[in-house]
Amino acid sequence: MPESFLFGRRPPFPLCNKSINIVIGEPMEFNLPKMTQMAISMSRNLHNPTRGWPVLSPSGLDEAAQRCLYTSISEQIHTSMESLRSLSKKLSGAKSLNSGQVEE
């Protein structure tokens, strides 16, 4: 690490108080107000026992609505990660095909 701490050692927490942005692929945007309304309407049809999640009364999200919102966000992230994985496979496959050719 380029930073010197005490007596030339590395700092114990090198990333503490640092602003770090990691972007892989295209940035994702979530329309939270719309997703919240969809989660509330979807959760009305669910009758699951509560598991102790906190109730967010200002936004109107009970436990079932929070689960629906979490699931929706997770599915979008999963879909994005799968598309990146398939793109990576395509690129690595094309790279291995190109490296296998002998130039004269």
N, C-alpha and C. Protein backbone atom coordinates (compact mmCIF):
# COMPACT_ATOMS: atom_id res chain seq x y z
N MET A 1 0.84 -1.18 0.00
CA MET A 1 0.00 0.00 0.00
C MET A 1 0.89 1.24 0.00
N PRO A 2 0.49 2.26 -0.68
CA PRO A 2 1.34 3.45 -0.74
C PRO A 2 1.33 4.27 0.55
N GLU A 3 0.34 4.08 1.38
CA GLU A 3 0.25 4.89 2.59
C GLU A 3 1.14 4.33 3.69
N SER A 4 1.80 5.23 4.40
CA SER A 4 2.57 4.80 5.56
C SER A 4 1.76 5.12 6.80
N PHE A 5 1.80 4.22 7.73
CA PHE A 5 1.09 4.42 8.98
C PHE A 5 2.13 4.66 10.05
N LEU A 6 2.11 3.95 11.07
CA LEU A 6 3.03 4.11 12.18
C LEU A 6 4.25 3.22 11.97
N PHE A 7 5.42 3.78 11.97
CA PHE A 7 6.68 3.05 11.80
C PHE A 7 6.73 2.28 10.48
N GLY A 8 6.14 2.85 9.42
CA GLY A 8 6.19 2.23 8.11
C GLY A 8 5.28 1.03 7.92
N ARG A 9 4.41 0.76 8.87
CA ARG A 9 3.48 -0.37 8.75
C ARG A 9 2.23 0.06 7.99
N ARG A 10 1.50 -0.93 7.57
CA ARG A 10 0.22 -0.65 6.93
C ARG A 10 -0.79 -0.24 7.99
N PRO A 11 -1.74 0.61 7.62
CA PRO A 11 -2.79 0.97 8.59
C PRO A 11 -3.66 -0.25 8.88
N PRO A 12 -4.20 -0.37 10.10
CA PRO A 12 -5.02 -1.54 10.44
C PRO A 12 -6.30 -1.64 9.63
N PHE A 13 -6.88 -0.50 9.29
CA PHE A 13 -8.09 -0.48 8.47
C PHE A 13 -7.84 0.46 7.30
N PRO A 14 -7.26 -0.04 6.21
CA PRO A 14 -6.83 0.86 5.13
C PRO A 14 -7.97 1.55 4.40
N LEU A 15 -9.17 1.02 4.45
CA LEU A 15 -10.27 1.61 3.70
C LEU A 15 -11.22 2.41 4.59
N CYS A 16 -10.88 2.55 5.85
CA CYS A 16 -11.73 3.29 6.78
C CYS A 16 -11.75 4.77 6.39
N ASN A 17 -12.92 5.37 6.41
CA ASN A 17 -13.13 6.78 6.08
C ASN A 17 -12.75 7.12 4.65
N LYS A 18 -12.87 6.17 3.75
CA LYS A 18 -12.60 6.40 2.34
C LYS A 18 -13.91 6.25 1.58
N SER A 19 -14.05 7.03 0.54
CA SER A 19 -15.23 6.90 -0.32
C SER A 19 -14.86 5.97 -1.47
N ILE A 20 -15.51 4.84 -1.54
CA ILE A 20 -15.20 3.84 -2.55
C ILE A 20 -16.45 3.56 -3.36
N ASN A 21 -16.33 3.69 -4.65
CA ASN A 21 -17.42 3.36 -5.56
C ASN A 21 -16.95 2.25 -6.48
N ILE A 22 -17.68 1.16 -6.51
CA ILE A 22 -17.37 0.05 -7.40
C ILE A 22 -18.56 -0.12 -8.34
N VAL A 23 -18.30 0.04 -9.62
CA VAL A 23 -19.36 -0.11 -10.61
C VAL A 23 -18.93 -1.21 -11.56
N ILE A 24 -19.74 -2.24 -11.66
CA ILE A 24 -19.49 -3.33 -12.58
C ILE A 24 -20.70 -3.39 -13.50
N GLY A 25 -20.46 -3.21 -14.77
CA GLY A 25 -21.58 -3.18 -15.70
C GLY A 25 -22.23 -1.81 -15.67
N GLU A 26 -23.47 -1.76 -16.05
CA GLU A 26 -24.19 -0.50 -16.05
C GLU A 26 -24.82 -0.27 -14.68
N PRO A 27 -24.85 0.98 -14.23
CA PRO A 27 -25.48 1.25 -12.93
C PRO A 27 -26.97 0.88 -12.97
N MET A 28 -27.44 0.35 -11.85
CA MET A 28 -28.85 -0.03 -11.75
C MET A 28 -29.61 1.07 -11.05
N GLU A 29 -30.80 1.32 -11.52
CA GLU A 29 -31.66 2.30 -10.87
C GLU A 29 -32.94 1.60 -10.44
N PHE A 30 -33.34 1.88 -9.22
CA PHE A 30 -34.56 1.29 -8.68
C PHE A 30 -35.57 2.41 -8.44
N ASN A 31 -36.77 2.23 -8.94
CA ASN A 31 -37.85 3.17 -8.69
C ASN A 31 -38.52 2.74 -7.39
N LEU A 32 -37.94 3.18 -6.28
CA LEU A 32 -38.41 2.72 -4.97
C LEU A 32 -39.85 3.08 -4.65
N PRO A 33 -40.33 4.28 -4.97
CA PRO A 33 -41.75 4.55 -4.68
C PRO A 33 -42.69 3.57 -5.41
N LYS A 34 -42.40 3.32 -6.68
CA LYS A 34 -43.24 2.39 -7.45
C LYS A 34 -43.08 0.96 -6.91
N MET A 35 -41.85 0.57 -6.60
CA MET A 35 -41.61 -0.78 -6.08
C MET A 35 -42.26 -0.96 -4.71
N THR A 36 -42.27 0.10 -3.91
CA THR A 36 -42.91 0.04 -2.59
C THR A 36 -44.41 -0.16 -2.73
N GLN A 37 -45.03 0.58 -3.64
CA GLN A 37 -46.47 0.43 -3.86
C GLN A 37 -46.81 -0.97 -4.37
N MET A 38 -45.97 -1.49 -5.28
CA MET A 38 -46.20 -2.85 -5.77
C MET A 38 -46.05 -3.87 -4.65
N ALA A 39 -45.06 -3.66 -3.78
CA ALA A 39 -44.84 -4.59 -2.67
C ALA A 39 -46.01 -4.57 -1.70
N ILE A 40 -46.55 -3.39 -1.44
CA ILE A 40 -47.71 -3.29 -0.55
C ILE A 40 -48.92 -3.99 -1.15
N SER A 41 -49.16 -3.78 -2.45
CA SER A 41 -50.32 -4.42 -3.08
C SER A 41 -50.13 -5.93 -3.19
N MET A 42 -48.90 -6.39 -3.43
CA MET A 42 -48.64 -7.84 -3.51
C MET A 42 -48.75 -8.49 -2.14
N SER A 43 -48.35 -7.76 -1.10
CA SER A 43 -48.32 -8.35 0.24
C SER A 43 -49.72 -8.51 0.83
N ARG A 44 -50.69 -7.81 0.29
CA ARG A 44 -52.06 -7.95 0.80
C ARG A 44 -52.61 -9.35 0.55
N ASN A 45 -52.10 -10.01 -0.49
CA ASN A 45 -52.57 -11.36 -0.82
C ASN A 45 -51.82 -12.44 -0.05
N LEU A 46 -50.74 -12.07 0.63
CA LEU A 46 -49.94 -13.06 1.37
C LEU A 46 -50.41 -13.15 2.81
N HIS A 47 -50.45 -14.35 3.31
CA HIS A 47 -50.82 -14.56 4.71
C HIS A 47 -49.76 -15.44 5.35
N ASN A 48 -48.61 -14.85 5.60
CA ASN A 48 -47.51 -15.58 6.23
C ASN A 48 -47.38 -15.14 7.68
N PRO A 49 -46.97 -16.04 8.55
CA PRO A 49 -46.75 -15.62 9.93
C PRO A 49 -45.56 -14.66 10.01
N THR A 50 -45.62 -13.75 10.95
CA THR A 50 -44.52 -12.79 11.08
C THR A 50 -43.31 -13.46 11.69
N ARG A 51 -42.15 -12.97 11.32
CA ARG A 51 -40.90 -13.53 11.81
C ARG A 51 -40.09 -12.50 12.58
N GLY A 52 -40.70 -11.43 12.97
CA GLY A 52 -40.01 -10.46 13.80
C GLY A 52 -39.33 -9.34 13.05
N TRP A 53 -39.68 -9.10 11.81
CA TRP A 53 -39.09 -7.99 11.08
C TRP A 53 -39.66 -6.70 11.65
N PRO A 54 -38.90 -5.63 11.63
CA PRO A 54 -39.43 -4.36 12.14
C PRO A 54 -40.51 -3.81 11.22
N VAL A 55 -41.49 -3.16 11.81
CA VAL A 55 -42.56 -2.55 11.03
C VAL A 55 -42.16 -1.12 10.71
N LEU A 56 -42.15 -0.81 9.42
CA LEU A 56 -41.80 0.54 8.98
C LEU A 56 -43.09 1.29 8.71
N SER A 57 -43.71 1.78 9.75
CA SER A 57 -45.03 2.39 9.62
C SER A 57 -45.04 3.68 8.80
N PRO A 58 -44.01 4.56 8.83
CA PRO A 58 -44.09 5.77 8.01
C PRO A 58 -44.23 5.47 6.52
N SER A 59 -43.59 4.40 6.05
CA SER A 59 -43.69 4.08 4.63
C SER A 59 -44.77 3.04 4.36
N GLY A 60 -45.39 2.51 5.41
CA GLY A 60 -46.47 1.56 5.24
C GLY A 60 -46.04 0.15 4.92
N LEU A 61 -44.79 -0.18 5.21
CA LEU A 61 -44.30 -1.52 4.90
C LEU A 61 -44.34 -2.42 6.12
N ASP A 62 -45.24 -3.40 6.07
CA ASP A 62 -45.22 -4.42 7.11
C ASP A 62 -44.22 -5.50 6.68
N GLU A 63 -44.16 -6.57 7.43
CA GLU A 63 -43.17 -7.62 7.15
C GLU A 63 -43.35 -8.24 5.77
N ALA A 64 -44.58 -8.53 5.40
CA ALA A 64 -44.83 -9.15 4.09
C ALA A 64 -44.44 -8.22 2.95
N ALA A 65 -44.74 -6.93 3.10
CA ALA A 65 -44.38 -5.96 2.07
C ALA A 65 -42.87 -5.81 1.97
N GLN A 66 -42.19 -5.83 3.13
CA GLN A 66 -40.72 -5.76 3.10
C GLN A 66 -40.14 -6.96 2.38
N ARG A 67 -40.71 -8.14 2.62
CA ARG A 67 -40.23 -9.34 1.93
C ARG A 67 -40.43 -9.22 0.43
N CYS A 68 -41.59 -8.71 0.01
CA CYS A 68 -41.86 -8.54 -1.42
C CYS A 68 -40.89 -7.55 -2.05
N LEU A 69 -40.63 -6.45 -1.36
CA LEU A 69 -39.70 -5.45 -1.87
C LEU A 69 -38.29 -6.02 -1.96
N TYR A 70 -37.86 -6.72 -0.92
CA TYR A 70 -36.54 -7.34 -0.90
C TYR A 70 -36.40 -8.36 -2.03
N THR A 71 -37.43 -9.16 -2.23
CA THR A 71 -37.40 -10.17 -3.29
C THR A 71 -37.30 -9.52 -4.66
N SER A 72 -38.05 -8.46 -4.87
CA SER A 72 -38.03 -7.76 -6.15
C SER A 72 -36.65 -7.18 -6.44
N ILE A 73 -36.06 -6.52 -5.46
CA ILE A 73 -34.72 -5.95 -5.64
C ILE A 73 -33.71 -7.07 -5.87
N SER A 74 -33.81 -8.15 -5.10
CA SER A 74 -32.87 -9.27 -5.24
C SER A 74 -32.97 -9.90 -6.63
N GLU A 75 -34.17 -10.03 -7.15
CA GLU A 75 -34.34 -10.61 -8.49
C GLU A 75 -33.71 -9.74 -9.56
N GLN A 76 -33.85 -8.42 -9.43
CA GLN A 76 -33.24 -7.53 -10.41
C GLN A 76 -31.72 -7.61 -10.35
N ILE A 77 -31.17 -7.66 -9.15
CA ILE A 77 -29.71 -7.79 -9.00
C ILE A 77 -29.25 -9.13 -9.56
N HIS A 78 -29.99 -10.20 -9.25
CA HIS A 78 -29.63 -11.53 -9.75
C HIS A 78 -29.64 -11.56 -11.28
N THR A 79 -30.65 -10.97 -11.89
CA THR A 79 -30.74 -10.93 -13.35
C THR A 79 -29.56 -10.18 -13.94
N SER A 80 -29.21 -9.06 -13.34
CA SER A 80 -28.07 -8.28 -13.81
C SER A 80 -26.77 -9.05 -13.68
N MET A 81 -26.58 -9.74 -12.55
CA MET A 81 -25.36 -10.52 -12.35
C MET A 81 -25.29 -11.70 -13.33
N GLU A 82 -26.41 -12.32 -13.62
CA GLU A 82 -26.42 -13.41 -14.59
C GLU A 82 -26.08 -12.92 -15.98
N SER A 83 -26.57 -11.74 -16.36
CA SER A 83 -26.22 -11.21 -17.68
C SER A 83 -24.74 -10.87 -17.76
N LEU A 84 -24.16 -10.36 -16.66
CA LEU A 84 -22.72 -10.11 -16.64
C LEU A 84 -21.94 -11.41 -16.72
N ARG A 85 -22.43 -12.45 -16.05
CA ARG A 85 -21.75 -13.74 -16.08
C ARG A 85 -21.77 -14.33 -17.49
N SER A 86 -22.90 -14.25 -18.16
CA SER A 86 -22.98 -14.80 -19.52
C SER A 86 -22.13 -13.98 -20.48
N LEU A 87 -22.07 -12.67 -20.29
CA LEU A 87 -21.21 -11.82 -21.12
C LEU A 87 -19.75 -12.18 -20.89
N SER A 88 -19.38 -12.43 -19.65
CA SER A 88 -18.01 -12.82 -19.32
C SER A 88 -17.65 -14.14 -19.99
N LYS A 89 -18.58 -15.09 -19.97
CA LYS A 89 -18.33 -16.37 -20.63
C LYS A 89 -18.14 -16.19 -22.13
N LYS A 90 -18.97 -15.34 -22.74
CA LYS A 90 -18.84 -15.09 -24.17
C LYS A 90 -17.49 -14.47 -24.48
N LEU A 91 -17.10 -13.48 -23.67
CA LEU A 91 -15.82 -12.81 -23.92
C LEU A 91 -14.64 -13.74 -23.69
N SER A 92 -14.68 -14.54 -22.65
CA SER A 92 -13.57 -15.46 -22.39
C SER A 92 -13.53 -16.56 -23.45
N GLY A 93 -14.68 -16.97 -23.96
CA GLY A 93 -14.71 -17.95 -25.04
C GLY A 93 -14.14 -17.39 -26.32
N ALA A 94 -14.47 -16.14 -26.63
CA ALA A 94 -13.93 -15.50 -27.83
C ALA A 94 -12.43 -15.28 -27.68
N LYS A 95 -11.99 -14.96 -26.49
CA LYS A 95 -10.56 -14.74 -26.24
C LYS A 95 -9.79 -16.04 -26.43
N SER A 96 -10.33 -17.15 -25.93
CA SER A 96 -9.63 -18.43 -26.07
C SER A 96 -9.61 -18.89 -27.53
N LEU A 97 -10.65 -18.56 -28.29
CA LEU A 97 -10.66 -18.91 -29.71
C LEU A 97 -9.61 -18.11 -30.45
N ASN A 98 -9.49 -16.82 -30.13
CA ASN A 98 -8.51 -15.97 -30.80
C ASN A 98 -7.09 -16.34 -30.41
N SER A 99 -6.86 -16.74 -29.18
CA SER A 99 -5.51 -17.10 -28.74
C SER A 99 -5.08 -18.45 -29.30
N GLY A 100 -6.02 -19.27 -29.72
CA GLY A 100 -5.69 -20.58 -30.28
C GLY A 100 -5.25 -20.51 -31.73
N GLN A 101 -5.47 -19.38 -32.39
CA GLN A 101 -5.07 -19.24 -33.78
C GLN A 101 -3.59 -18.90 -33.86
N VAL A 102 -2.92 -19.50 -34.82
CA VAL A 102 -1.50 -19.25 -35.01
C VAL A 102 -1.34 -18.24 -36.13
N GLU A 103 -0.63 -17.17 -35.84
CA GLU A 103 -0.39 -16.15 -36.86
C GLU A 103 0.86 -16.51 -37.64
N GLU A 104 0.82 -16.29 -38.93
CA GLU A 104 1.98 -16.60 -39.77
C GLU A 104 2.68 -15.35 -40.21
